[in-house]
Amino acid sequence: MADSEKKKNIFKRIGGWFKSLNAERKKISWASWKSVRSNTWIVIVTIVIVAAAIGLVDYLLANGIKGLGVLF
């Protein structure tokens, strides 16, 4: 037999893939809403702190280079 004769119908393969997908989806353990909300706030606060730190370093370096330009 040729390889193409051994293969299942394309629709049966697609249907099997969706059944497998659904079985895997049921195994997922989803986080609670309280946990998601808490972690979201942690991420937002961390981003704000890091952005402020980068902005401060950028400001200090830019003014430091301008100050060096005035000296020389």
N, C-alpha and C. Protein backbone atom coordinates (compact mmCIF):
# COMPACT_ATOMS: atom_id res chain seq x y z
N MET A 1 0.83 -1.19 0.00
CA MET A 1 0.00 0.00 0.00
C MET A 1 0.87 1.24 0.00
N ALA A 2 0.38 2.24 -0.66
CA ALA A 2 1.09 3.51 -0.68
C ALA A 2 0.81 4.28 0.61
N ASP A 3 1.67 5.25 0.90
CA ASP A 3 1.50 6.04 2.12
C ASP A 3 0.18 6.81 2.12
N SER A 4 -0.24 7.28 0.95
CA SER A 4 -1.47 8.07 0.90
C SER A 4 -2.69 7.21 1.21
N GLU A 5 -2.63 5.91 0.93
CA GLU A 5 -3.75 5.02 1.23
C GLU A 5 -3.83 4.71 2.73
N LYS A 6 -2.71 4.77 3.43
CA LYS A 6 -2.68 4.49 4.86
C LYS A 6 -3.20 5.65 5.69
N LYS A 7 -3.12 6.86 5.16
CA LYS A 7 -3.54 8.04 5.92
C LYS A 7 -5.06 8.07 6.05
N LYS A 8 -5.52 8.60 7.18
CA LYS A 8 -6.94 8.77 7.40
C LYS A 8 -7.46 9.93 6.56
N ASN A 9 -8.74 10.00 6.47
CA ASN A 9 -9.39 11.12 5.82
C ASN A 9 -8.99 12.41 6.54
N ILE A 10 -8.81 13.49 5.79
CA ILE A 10 -8.36 14.76 6.36
C ILE A 10 -9.34 15.25 7.44
N PHE A 11 -10.63 15.04 7.24
CA PHE A 11 -11.62 15.51 8.21
C PHE A 11 -11.55 14.70 9.50
N LYS A 12 -11.23 13.42 9.40
CA LYS A 12 -11.08 12.59 10.60
C LYS A 12 -9.84 13.02 11.37
N ARG A 13 -8.77 13.37 10.65
CA ARG A 13 -7.56 13.83 11.32
C ARG A 13 -7.80 15.16 12.02
N ILE A 14 -8.52 16.06 11.36
CA ILE A 14 -8.82 17.36 11.97
C ILE A 14 -9.72 17.16 13.19
N GLY A 15 -10.71 16.29 13.07
CA GLY A 15 -11.59 16.01 14.20
C GLY A 15 -10.82 15.42 15.37
N GLY A 16 -9.89 14.51 15.09
CA GLY A 16 -9.06 13.94 16.14
C GLY A 16 -8.19 14.99 16.81
N TRP A 17 -7.69 15.93 16.01
CA TRP A 17 -6.86 17.00 16.57
C TRP A 17 -7.68 17.87 17.53
N PHE A 18 -8.93 18.19 17.15
CA PHE A 18 -9.77 19.00 18.03
C PHE A 18 -10.15 18.24 19.30
N LYS A 19 -10.36 16.94 19.21
CA LYS A 19 -10.66 16.15 20.40
C LYS A 19 -9.46 16.17 21.34
N SER A 20 -8.28 16.02 20.77
CA SER A 20 -7.05 16.06 21.57
C SER A 20 -6.87 17.45 22.20
N LEU A 21 -7.14 18.47 21.44
CA LEU A 21 -7.04 19.85 21.93
C LEU A 21 -7.98 20.08 23.11
N ASN A 22 -9.20 19.62 22.98
CA ASN A 22 -10.19 19.79 24.05
C ASN A 22 -9.78 19.02 25.30
N ALA A 23 -9.22 17.82 25.11
CA ALA A 23 -8.77 17.03 26.27
C ALA A 23 -7.63 17.74 27.00
N GLU A 24 -6.71 18.33 26.26
CA GLU A 24 -5.60 19.06 26.88
C GLU A 24 -6.10 20.34 27.56
N ARG A 25 -7.10 20.99 26.96
CA ARG A 25 -7.64 22.22 27.54
C ARG A 25 -8.27 21.94 28.91
N LYS A 26 -8.88 20.79 29.06
CA LYS A 26 -9.51 20.45 30.32
C LYS A 26 -8.49 20.19 31.43
N LYS A 27 -7.24 19.92 31.08
CA LYS A 27 -6.20 19.66 32.06
C LYS A 27 -5.61 20.93 32.66
N ILE A 28 -5.89 22.07 32.04
CA ILE A 28 -5.30 23.33 32.48
C ILE A 28 -5.91 23.74 33.83
N SER A 29 -5.05 24.16 34.75
CA SER A 29 -5.55 24.68 36.02
C SER A 29 -5.44 26.21 35.96
N TRP A 30 -6.57 26.85 35.94
CA TRP A 30 -6.62 28.30 35.80
C TRP A 30 -6.44 28.96 37.15
N ALA A 31 -5.77 30.10 37.14
CA ALA A 31 -5.56 30.86 38.37
C ALA A 31 -6.87 31.52 38.80
N SER A 32 -6.98 31.78 40.09
CA SER A 32 -8.19 32.43 40.60
C SER A 32 -8.17 33.91 40.21
N TRP A 33 -9.35 34.51 40.19
CA TRP A 33 -9.46 35.93 39.82
C TRP A 33 -8.68 36.80 40.81
N LYS A 34 -8.72 36.44 42.09
CA LYS A 34 -8.00 37.20 43.12
C LYS A 34 -6.50 37.16 42.85
N SER A 35 -5.98 36.02 42.49
CA SER A 35 -4.56 35.87 42.19
C SER A 35 -4.17 36.66 40.94
N VAL A 36 -5.00 36.59 39.92
CA VAL A 36 -4.72 37.33 38.68
C VAL A 36 -4.69 38.83 38.94
N ARG A 37 -5.68 39.31 39.69
CA ARG A 37 -5.75 40.74 40.01
C ARG A 37 -4.54 41.18 40.81
N SER A 38 -4.15 40.39 41.80
CA SER A 38 -3.00 40.72 42.63
C SER A 38 -1.72 40.76 41.81
N ASN A 39 -1.52 39.76 40.98
CA ASN A 39 -0.31 39.71 40.15
C ASN A 39 -0.28 40.83 39.12
N THR A 40 -1.45 41.23 38.62
CA THR A 40 -1.52 42.33 37.66
C THR A 40 -1.04 43.62 38.31
N TRP A 41 -1.49 43.87 39.54
CA TRP A 41 -1.06 45.08 40.24
C TRP A 41 0.44 45.05 40.53
N ILE A 42 0.96 43.90 40.87
CA ILE A 42 2.40 43.77 41.10
C ILE A 42 3.18 44.13 39.84
N VAL A 43 2.72 43.63 38.71
CA VAL A 43 3.39 43.91 37.43
C VAL A 43 3.31 45.39 37.10
N ILE A 44 2.14 46.01 37.28
CA ILE A 44 1.98 47.43 36.95
C ILE A 44 2.88 48.29 37.83
N VAL A 45 2.93 48.01 39.14
CA VAL A 45 3.78 48.78 40.05
C VAL A 45 5.25 48.60 39.69
N THR A 46 5.65 47.38 39.37
CA THR A 46 7.04 47.12 38.99
C THR A 46 7.41 47.87 37.72
N ILE A 47 6.52 47.89 36.74
CA ILE A 47 6.79 48.61 35.49
C ILE A 47 6.94 50.11 35.76
N VAL A 48 6.09 50.67 36.61
CA VAL A 48 6.17 52.11 36.92
C VAL A 48 7.48 52.42 37.62
N ILE A 49 7.90 51.58 38.56
CA ILE A 49 9.15 51.81 39.28
C ILE A 49 10.35 51.72 38.33
N VAL A 50 10.37 50.70 37.49
CA VAL A 50 11.49 50.54 36.55
C VAL A 50 11.51 51.69 35.54
N ALA A 51 10.34 52.11 35.06
CA ALA A 51 10.28 53.24 34.12
C ALA A 51 10.79 54.52 34.77
N ALA A 52 10.42 54.75 36.02
CA ALA A 52 10.89 55.94 36.73
C ALA A 52 12.41 55.88 36.93
N ALA A 53 12.93 54.72 37.26
CA ALA A 53 14.38 54.58 37.45
C ALA A 53 15.13 54.83 36.14
N ILE A 54 14.63 54.26 35.05
CA ILE A 54 15.28 54.48 33.75
C ILE A 54 15.19 55.94 33.35
N GLY A 55 14.02 56.56 33.59
CA GLY A 55 13.87 57.99 33.28
C GLY A 55 14.82 58.85 34.09
N LEU A 56 14.99 58.54 35.38
CA LEU A 56 15.91 59.30 36.23
C LEU A 56 17.35 59.14 35.76
N VAL A 57 17.76 57.93 35.45
CA VAL A 57 19.12 57.70 34.95
C VAL A 57 19.33 58.43 33.63
N ASP A 58 18.35 58.39 32.75
CA ASP A 58 18.45 59.09 31.47
C ASP A 58 18.58 60.59 31.68
N TYR A 59 17.77 61.13 32.59
CA TYR A 59 17.82 62.56 32.88
C TYR A 59 19.18 62.96 33.44
N LEU A 60 19.68 62.18 34.41
CA LEU A 60 20.97 62.50 35.02
C LEU A 60 22.12 62.39 34.01
N LEU A 61 22.10 61.36 33.19
CA LEU A 61 23.16 61.21 32.18
C LEU A 61 23.10 62.32 31.14
N ALA A 62 21.91 62.68 30.69
CA ALA A 62 21.77 63.75 29.69
C ALA A 62 22.28 65.07 30.24
N ASN A 63 21.89 65.40 31.48
CA ASN A 63 22.36 66.65 32.07
C ASN A 63 23.84 66.59 32.41
N GLY A 64 24.34 65.43 32.77
CA GLY A 64 25.77 65.28 33.03
C GLY A 64 26.59 65.51 31.77
N ILE A 65 26.12 64.99 30.65
CA ILE A 65 26.85 65.20 29.39
C ILE A 65 26.76 66.65 28.97
N LYS A 66 25.60 67.29 29.16
CA LYS A 66 25.50 68.72 28.84
C LYS A 66 26.43 69.53 29.76
N GLY A 67 26.52 69.15 31.02
CA GLY A 67 27.40 69.85 31.96
C GLY A 67 28.86 69.70 31.55
N LEU A 68 29.23 68.52 31.07
CA LEU A 68 30.60 68.32 30.60
C LEU A 68 30.87 69.16 29.36
N GLY A 69 29.86 69.32 28.54
CA GLY A 69 30.03 70.15 27.33
C GLY A 69 30.26 71.61 27.69
N VAL A 70 29.66 72.09 28.76
CA VAL A 70 29.85 73.47 29.19
C VAL A 70 31.26 73.66 29.75
N LEU A 71 31.77 72.64 30.46
CA LEU A 71 33.10 72.74 31.06
C LEU A 71 34.21 72.76 30.02
N PHE A 72 34.01 72.02 28.95
CA PHE A 72 35.08 71.92 27.95
C PHE A 72 34.66 72.70 26.77
